[in-house]
C-alpha atoms as a PDB file:
ATOM      1  CA  MET A   1      68.140 -28.151   0.985  1.00  0.00           C
ATOM      2  CA  ILE A   2      67.560 -29.357   4.538  1.00  0.00           C
ATOM      3  CA  ILE A   3      69.354 -27.202   7.093  1.00  0.00           C
ATOM      4  CA  LYS A   4      70.660 -29.119  10.099  1.00  0.00           C
ATOM      5  CA  GLN A   5      73.274 -26.603  11.208  1.00  0.00           C
ATOM      6  CA  ALA A   6      73.719 -22.913  10.448  1.00  0.00           C
ATOM      7  CA  GLU A   7      75.912 -20.448  12.293  1.00  0.00           C
ATOM      8  CA  LEU A   8      77.779 -17.203  11.763  1.00  0.00           C
ATOM      9  CA  GLN A   9      81.359 -18.421  11.799  1.00  0.00           C
ATOM     10  CA  THR A  10      83.533 -15.527  10.588  1.00  0.00           C
ATOM     11  CA  VAL A  11      83.114 -11.754  10.386  1.00  0.00           C
ATOM     12  CA  CYS A  12      85.665  -9.823   8.332  1.00  0.00           C
ATOM     13  CA  GLY A  13      86.076  -6.065   8.531  1.00  0.00           C
ATOM     14  CA  ILE A  14      88.055  -3.739   6.322  1.00  0.00           C
ATOM     15  CA  THR A  15      91.400  -4.690   7.850  1.00  0.00           C
ATOM     16  CA  SER A  16      90.584  -8.344   8.623  1.00  0.00           C
ATOM     17  CA  ARG A  17      92.337 -11.268   7.046  1.00  0.00           C
ATOM     18  CA  LEU A  18      89.990 -13.380   4.955  1.00  0.00           C
ATOM     19  CA  PRO A  19      89.451 -16.939   6.194  1.00  0.00           C
ATOM     20  CA  GLU A  20      91.039 -19.828   4.321  1.00  0.00           C
ATOM     21  CA  ASN A  21      87.950 -21.989   4.201  1.00  0.00           C
ATOM     22  CA  ILE A  22      88.087 -25.559   2.927  1.00  0.00           C
ATOM     23  CA  HIS A  23      84.389 -25.731   1.956  1.00  0.00           C
ATOM     24  CA  PRO A  24      82.650 -24.084  -1.036  1.00  0.00           C
ATOM     25  CA  GLU A  25      81.345 -20.531  -0.725  1.00  0.00           C
ATOM     26  CA  VAL A  26      78.341 -18.810  -2.312  1.00  0.00           C
ATOM     27  CA  ALA A  27      78.262 -15.006  -2.029  1.00  0.00           C
ATOM     28  CA  PHE A  28      75.354 -12.549  -2.032  1.00  0.00           C
ATOM     29  CA  ALA A  29      75.743  -8.943  -3.198  1.00  0.00           C
ATOM     30  CA  GLY A  30      73.172  -6.178  -3.407  1.00  0.00           C
ATOM     31  CA  LYS A  31      72.360  -2.635  -2.425  1.00  0.00           C
ATOM     32  CA  SER A  32      71.947  -1.867   1.242  1.00  0.00           C
ATOM     33  CA  ASN A  33      68.140  -2.148   1.446  1.00  0.00           C
ATOM     34  CA  VAL A  34      67.470  -4.962  -1.022  1.00  0.00           C
ATOM     35  CA  GLY A  35      66.949  -7.673   1.608  1.00  0.00           C
ATOM     36  CA  LYS A  36      70.143  -9.764   1.709  1.00  0.00           C
ATOM     37  CA  SER A  37      69.770 -10.622   5.391  1.00  0.00           C
ATOM     38  CA  SER A  38      66.090 -11.493   4.899  1.00  0.00           C
ATOM     39  CA  LEU A  39      67.040 -13.721   1.972  1.00  0.00           C
ATOM     40  CA  ILE A  40      69.668 -15.583   3.986  1.00  0.00           C
ATOM     41  CA  ASN A  41      67.274 -16.054   6.903  1.00  0.00           C
ATOM     42  CA  GLY A  42      64.594 -17.233   4.478  1.00  0.00           C
ATOM     43  CA  LEU A  43      66.903 -19.728   2.791  1.00  0.00           C
ATOM     44  CA  LEU A  44      67.952 -21.103   6.158  1.00  0.00           C
ATOM     45  CA  ASN A  45      64.463 -21.075   7.723  1.00  0.00           C
ATOM     46  CA  ARG A  46      65.812 -18.933  10.565  1.00  0.00           C
ATOM     47  CA  LYS A  47      64.261 -15.760  11.897  1.00  0.00           C
ATOM     48  CA  SER A  48      67.321 -13.771  12.875  1.00  0.00           C
ATOM     49  CA  LEU A  49      70.579 -15.568  12.124  1.00  0.00           C
ATOM     50  CA  ALA A  50      71.467 -12.821   9.663  1.00  0.00           C
ATOM     51  CA  ARG A  51      70.799  -9.488  11.342  1.00  0.00           C
ATOM     52  CA  THR A  52      68.161  -7.405   9.590  1.00  0.00           C
ATOM     53  CA  SER A  53      67.913  -3.683  10.303  1.00  0.00           C
ATOM     54  CA  SER A  54      65.647  -0.753   9.541  1.00  0.00           C
ATOM     55  CA  GLN A  55      68.837   1.254   9.006  1.00  0.00           C
ATOM     56  CA  PRO A  56      70.250   0.641   5.512  1.00  0.00           C
ATOM     57  CA  GLY A  57      73.975   0.165   5.195  1.00  0.00           C
ATOM     58  CA  LYS A  58      74.379  -1.507   8.576  1.00  0.00           C
ATOM     59  CA  THR A  59      76.300  -4.490   7.209  1.00  0.00           C
ATOM     60  CA  GLN A  60      79.856  -3.187   6.911  1.00  0.00           C
ATOM     61  CA  THR A  61      81.552  -6.561   7.092  1.00  0.00           C
ATOM     62  CA  ILE A  62      81.790  -9.772   5.100  1.00  0.00           C
ATOM     63  CA  ASN A  63      79.870 -12.389   7.070  1.00  0.00           C
ATOM     64  CA  PHE A  64      80.492 -16.112   6.566  1.00  0.00           C
ATOM     65  CA  TYR A  65      77.654 -18.451   7.575  1.00  0.00           C
ATOM     66  CA  GLU A  66      78.646 -22.111   7.829  1.00  0.00           C
ATOM     67  CA  ILE A  67      75.870 -24.454   6.707  1.00  0.00           C
ATOM     68  CA  ASN A  68      75.715 -28.165   7.630  1.00  0.00           C
ATOM     69  CA  GLN A  69      79.511 -28.038   8.072  1.00  0.00           C
ATOM     70  CA  MET A  70      79.631 -28.427   4.288  1.00  0.00           C
ATOM     71  CA  PHE A  71      79.596 -24.947   2.709  1.00  0.00           C
ATOM     72  CA  TYR A  72      79.270 -21.220   3.387  1.00  0.00           C
ATOM     73  CA  LEU A  73      76.794 -18.505   2.506  1.00  0.00           C
ATOM     74  CA  VAL A  74      78.691 -15.218   2.360  1.00  0.00           C
ATOM     75  CA  ASP A  75      76.935 -11.886   2.958  1.00  0.00           C
ATOM     76  CA  LEU A  76      78.817  -9.032   1.275  1.00  0.00           C
ATOM     77  CA  PRO A  77      78.464  -5.378   2.427  1.00  0.00           C
ATOM     78  CA  GLY A  78      75.559  -3.520   0.848  1.00  0.00           C
ATOM     79  CA  TYR A  79      76.389  -0.849  -1.701  1.00  0.00           C
ATOM     80  CA  GLY A  80      74.728   2.439  -2.627  1.00  0.00           C
ATOM     81  CA  TYR A  81      74.074   3.695   0.900  1.00  0.00           C
ATOM     82  CA  ALA A  82      73.974   7.453   0.412  1.00  0.00           C
ATOM     83  CA  LYS A  83      74.821   8.395   4.007  1.00  0.00           C
ATOM     84  CA  ALA A  84      78.089   6.481   3.993  1.00  0.00           C
ATOM     85  CA  SER A  85      81.085   8.657   3.265  1.00  0.00           C
ATOM     86  CA  GLU A  86      82.960   8.275  -0.014  1.00  0.00           C
ATOM     87  CA  GLU A  87      85.946   6.971   1.938  1.00  0.00           C
ATOM     88  CA  ILE A  88      83.877   4.261   3.633  1.00  0.00           C
ATOM     89  CA  ARG A  89      82.181   3.275   0.371  1.00  0.00           C
ATOM     90  CA  ALA A  90      85.605   2.983  -1.271  1.00  0.00           C
ATOM     91  CA  GLN A  91      86.838   0.784   1.572  1.00  0.00           C
ATOM     92  CA  TRP A  92      83.793  -1.485   1.253  1.00  0.00           C
ATOM     93  CA  GLY A  93      84.472  -1.787  -2.465  1.00  0.00           C
ATOM     94  CA  GLN A  94      88.097  -2.678  -1.869  1.00  0.00           C
ATOM     95  CA  MET A  95      87.084  -5.265   0.720  1.00  0.00           C
ATOM     96  CA  VAL A  96      84.664  -6.964  -1.682  1.00  0.00           C
ATOM     97  CA  GLU A  97      87.204  -6.835  -4.514  1.00  0.00           C
ATOM     98  CA  ARG A  98      89.818  -8.435  -2.266  1.00  0.00           C
ATOM     99  CA  TYR A  99      87.377 -11.213  -1.404  1.00  0.00           C
ATOM    100  CA  LEU A 100      86.462 -11.929  -5.040  1.00  0.00           C
ATOM    101  CA  HIS A 101      90.129 -12.048  -5.990  1.00  0.00           C
ATOM    102  CA  GLN A 102      91.448 -14.023  -3.034  1.00  0.00           C
ATOM    103  CA  SER A 103      88.769 -16.556  -2.163  1.00  0.00           C
ATOM    104  CA  LYS A 104      89.784 -20.000  -3.390  1.00  0.00           C
ATOM    105  CA  GLN A 105      86.398 -21.539  -2.559  1.00  0.00           C
ATOM    106  CA  LEU A 106      83.956 -19.065  -4.133  1.00  0.00           C
ATOM    107  CA  ARG A 107      81.664 -20.970  -6.493  1.00  0.00           C
ATOM    108  CA  ALA A 108      78.951 -18.438  -7.331  1.00  0.00           C
ATOM    109  CA  VAL A 109      77.896 -14.828  -6.803  1.00  0.00           C
ATOM    110  CA  PHE A 110      74.235 -13.868  -6.543  1.00  0.00           C
ATOM    111  CA  LEU A 111      73.266 -10.257  -7.193  1.00  0.00           C
ATOM    112  CA  LEU A 112      70.050  -9.149  -5.482  1.00  0.00           C
ATOM    113  CA  VAL A 113      67.830  -6.505  -7.068  1.00  0.00           C
ATOM    114  CA  ASP A 114      64.394  -5.199  -6.068  1.00  0.00           C
ATOM    115  CA  ILE A 115      61.751  -6.606  -8.423  1.00  0.00           C
ATOM    116  CA  ARG A 116      59.529  -3.540  -7.894  1.00  0.00           C
ATOM    117  CA  HIS A 117      61.853  -1.083  -9.594  1.00  0.00           C
ATOM    118  CA  ALA A 118      64.127  -0.713 -12.579  1.00  0.00           C
ATOM    119  CA  PRO A 119      67.744  -1.452 -11.614  1.00  0.00           C
ATOM    120  CA  SER A 120      69.584   1.537 -10.186  1.00  0.00           C
ATOM    121  CA  ALA A 121      72.825   2.855 -11.626  1.00  0.00           C
ATOM    122  CA  ASN A 122      74.589   1.108  -8.732  1.00  0.00           C
ATOM    123  CA  ASP A 123      72.891  -2.201  -9.599  1.00  0.00           C
ATOM    124  CA  LYS A 124      74.022  -1.939 -13.221  1.00  0.00           C
ATOM    125  CA  GLN A 125      77.541  -0.974 -12.183  1.00  0.00           C
ATOM    126  CA  MET A 126      77.730  -3.855  -9.710  1.00  0.00           C
ATOM    127  CA  TYR A 127      76.588  -6.384 -12.320  1.00  0.00           C
ATOM    128  CA  GLN A 128      79.226  -5.231 -14.783  1.00  0.00           C
ATOM    129  CA  TRP A 129      81.856  -5.086 -12.067  1.00  0.00           C
ATOM    130  CA  ILE A 130      81.196  -8.676 -10.943  1.00  0.00           C
ATOM    131  CA  LEU A 131      81.496  -9.750 -14.583  1.00  0.00           C
ATOM    132  CA  SER A 132      84.825  -7.935 -14.809  1.00  0.00           C
ATOM    133  CA  GLN A 133      86.072  -9.911 -11.797  1.00  0.00           C
ATOM    134  CA  GLY A 134      85.563 -13.152 -13.713  1.00  0.00           C
ATOM    135  CA  TYR A 135      82.182 -14.233 -12.315  1.00  0.00           C
ATOM    136  CA  GLU A 136      78.804 -14.459 -14.035  1.00  0.00           C
ATOM    137  CA  PRO A 137      76.363 -13.422 -11.308  1.00  0.00           C
ATOM    138  CA  LEU A 138      72.980 -15.046 -10.920  1.00  0.00           C
ATOM    139  CA  ILE A 139      70.205 -12.545 -10.261  1.00  0.00           C
ATOM    140  CA  ILE A 140      67.687 -12.798  -7.416  1.00  0.00           C
ATOM    141  CA  ALA A 141      64.706 -10.455  -7.724  1.00  0.00           C
ATOM    142  CA  THR A 142      63.655  -9.796  -4.126  1.00  0.00           C
ATOM    143  CA  LYS A 143      60.397  -8.536  -2.575  1.00  0.00           C
ATOM    144  CA  LEU A 144      58.250 -10.627  -4.895  1.00  0.00           C
ATOM    145  CA  ASP A 145      55.304 -10.393  -2.495  1.00  0.00           C
ATOM    146  CA  LYS A 146      55.231  -6.587  -2.902  1.00  0.00           C
ATOM    147  CA  ILE A 147      53.878  -6.732  -6.469  1.00  0.00           C
ATOM    148  CA  LYS A 148      50.828  -8.312  -8.084  1.00  0.00           C
ATOM    149  CA  ARG A 149      51.222 -11.672  -9.763  1.00  0.00           C
ATOM    150  CA  SER A 150      50.197 -10.082 -13.058  1.00  0.00           C
ATOM    151  CA  GLN A 151      53.202  -7.734 -12.837  1.00  0.00           C
ATOM    152  CA  VAL A 152      55.886 -10.362 -12.305  1.00  0.00           C
ATOM    153  CA  ALA A 153      56.677 -11.199 -15.940  1.00  0.00           C
ATOM    154  CA  LYS A 154      56.805  -7.510 -16.875  1.00  0.00           C
ATOM    155  CA  GLN A 155      59.170  -6.642 -14.028  1.00  0.00           C
ATOM    156  CA  LEU A 156      61.473  -9.597 -14.714  1.00  0.00           C
ATOM    157  CA  LYS A 157      61.666  -8.541 -18.363  1.00  0.00           C
ATOM    158  CA  LEU A 158      62.547  -5.004 -17.242  1.00  0.00           C
ATOM    159  CA  LEU A 159      65.342  -6.249 -14.992  1.00  0.00           C
ATOM    160  CA  LYS A 160      66.729  -8.460 -17.741  1.00  0.00           C
ATOM    161  CA  GLU A 161      66.758  -5.650 -20.289  1.00  0.00           C
ATOM    162  CA  GLU A 162      68.039  -2.895 -18.000  1.00  0.00           C
ATOM    163  CA  LEU A 163      70.864  -4.983 -16.548  1.00  0.00           C
ATOM    164  CA  LYS A 164      71.755  -6.272 -20.037  1.00  0.00           C
ATOM    165  CA  LEU A 165      72.024  -9.788 -18.693  1.00  0.00           C
ATOM    166  CA  LEU A 166      74.213 -12.239 -20.549  1.00  0.00           C
ATOM    167  CA  PRO A 167      72.282 -14.927 -22.457  1.00  0.00           C
ATOM    168  CA  GLY A 168      71.376 -17.812 -20.180  1.00  0.00           C
ATOM    169  CA  THR A 169      71.736 -15.832 -16.940  1.00  0.00           C
ATOM    170  CA  LYS A 170      69.395 -17.166 -14.269  1.00  0.00           C
ATOM    171  CA  LEU A 171      66.865 -14.642 -12.919  1.00  0.00           C
ATOM    172  CA  LEU A 172      65.124 -15.975  -9.814  1.00  0.00           C
ATOM    173  CA  PRO A 173      62.214 -14.144  -8.102  1.00  0.00           C
ATOM    174  CA  PHE A 174      62.063 -14.503  -4.308  1.00  0.00           C
ATOM    175  CA  SER A 175      59.854 -13.444  -1.405  1.00  0.00           C
ATOM    176  CA  ALA A 176      61.224 -13.446   2.129  1.00  0.00           C
ATOM    177  CA  GLN A 177      57.618 -13.316   3.386  1.00  0.00           C
ATOM    178  CA  THR A 178      56.138 -16.284   1.535  1.00  0.00           C
ATOM    179  CA  LYS A 179      59.437 -18.110   0.792  1.00  0.00           C
ATOM    180  CA  GLN A 180      58.388 -18.349  -2.873  1.00  0.00           C
ATOM    181  CA  GLY A 181      61.522 -19.056  -4.891  1.00  0.00           C
ATOM    182  CA  ARG A 182      63.407 -20.646  -1.979  1.00  0.00           C
ATOM    183  CA  GLU A 183      63.558 -24.140  -3.452  1.00  0.00           C
ATOM    184  CA  GLU A 184      64.578 -22.834  -6.877  1.00  0.00           C
ATOM    185  CA  ILE A 185      67.470 -20.886  -5.350  1.00  0.00           C
ATOM    186  CA  TRP A 186      68.607 -23.905  -3.343  1.00  0.00           C
ATOM    187  CA  GLU A 187      68.490 -26.059  -6.462  1.00  0.00           C
ATOM    188  CA  VAL A 188      70.871 -23.643  -8.182  1.00  0.00           C
ATOM    189  CA  ILE A 189      73.183 -23.454  -5.148  1.00  0.00           C
ATOM    190  CA  GLU A 190      73.322 -27.227  -4.793  1.00  0.00           C
ATOM    191  CA  GLY A 191      74.275 -27.536  -8.445  1.00  0.00           C
ATOM    192  CA  MET A 192      76.983 -24.894  -8.087  1.00  0.00           C
ATOM    193  CA  ILE A 193      78.688 -26.380  -5.049  1.00  0.00           C
ATOM    194  CA  GLY A 194      78.033 -30.060  -5.656  1.00  0.00           C
ATOM    195  CA  VAL A 195      76.127 -30.530  -2.388  1.00  0.00           C
ATOM    196  CA  MET A 196      72.822 -32.369  -2.310  1.00  0.00           C
ATOM    197  CA  GLY A 197      69.968 -31.609   0.073  1.00  0.00           C
ATOM    198  CA  ASP A 198      69.349 -33.907   3.036  1.00  0.00           C
ATOM    199  CA  THR A 199      66.065 -35.465   4.081  1.00  0.00           C
ATOM    200  CA  GLU A 200      65.467 -34.360   7.671  1.00  0.00           C
ATOM    201  CA  GLU A 201      65.598 -30.847   9.041  1.00  0.00           C
ATOM    202  CA  THR A 202      66.573 -29.858  12.548  1.00  0.00           C
ATOM    203  CA  SER A 203      65.346 -26.549  13.963  1.00  0.00           C
ATOM    204  CA  ILE A 204      67.675 -24.233  15.833  1.00  0.00           C
END
């Protein structure tokens, strides 16, 4: 995918009305320190379009990034942040549920998990919850550069078994540092939304 235009178009808080977009949407879910912002920046070849932070749980909104005026990447609030109050965590959950139920353009949901560790209880719960909402999430195993190449197959097998992935579920390793896995993820996204990559890229 060649990125000619990428911008944060809409930010939705707990009480915000969701946008009625006319272009396809692809959403990213994951715990608060799994690297969603780094993934989005890596996919878009931008350094800081999606705000990264050393403070987990900072994303408390649903952020819609318009790409090439053709589709949206949607960053969902991170889950599992221990310092957030139960009330706030419940509100985040309700916000995400409302989005999954109401969006008419959502084509795919990616669930991000850390390849270095076994999935947390929150990861497992989120996978099952997304399934219950009628979507079959694709899994992105982040922080690929943090483990040895010889460990990759073992860790992917662990994620697959622990999450109890449905047969045929795509499991895509990714490194925000090296961009390994970027093209594979774009290939899946393009297939999901029916948009083909372009041939010339413009930097922003």
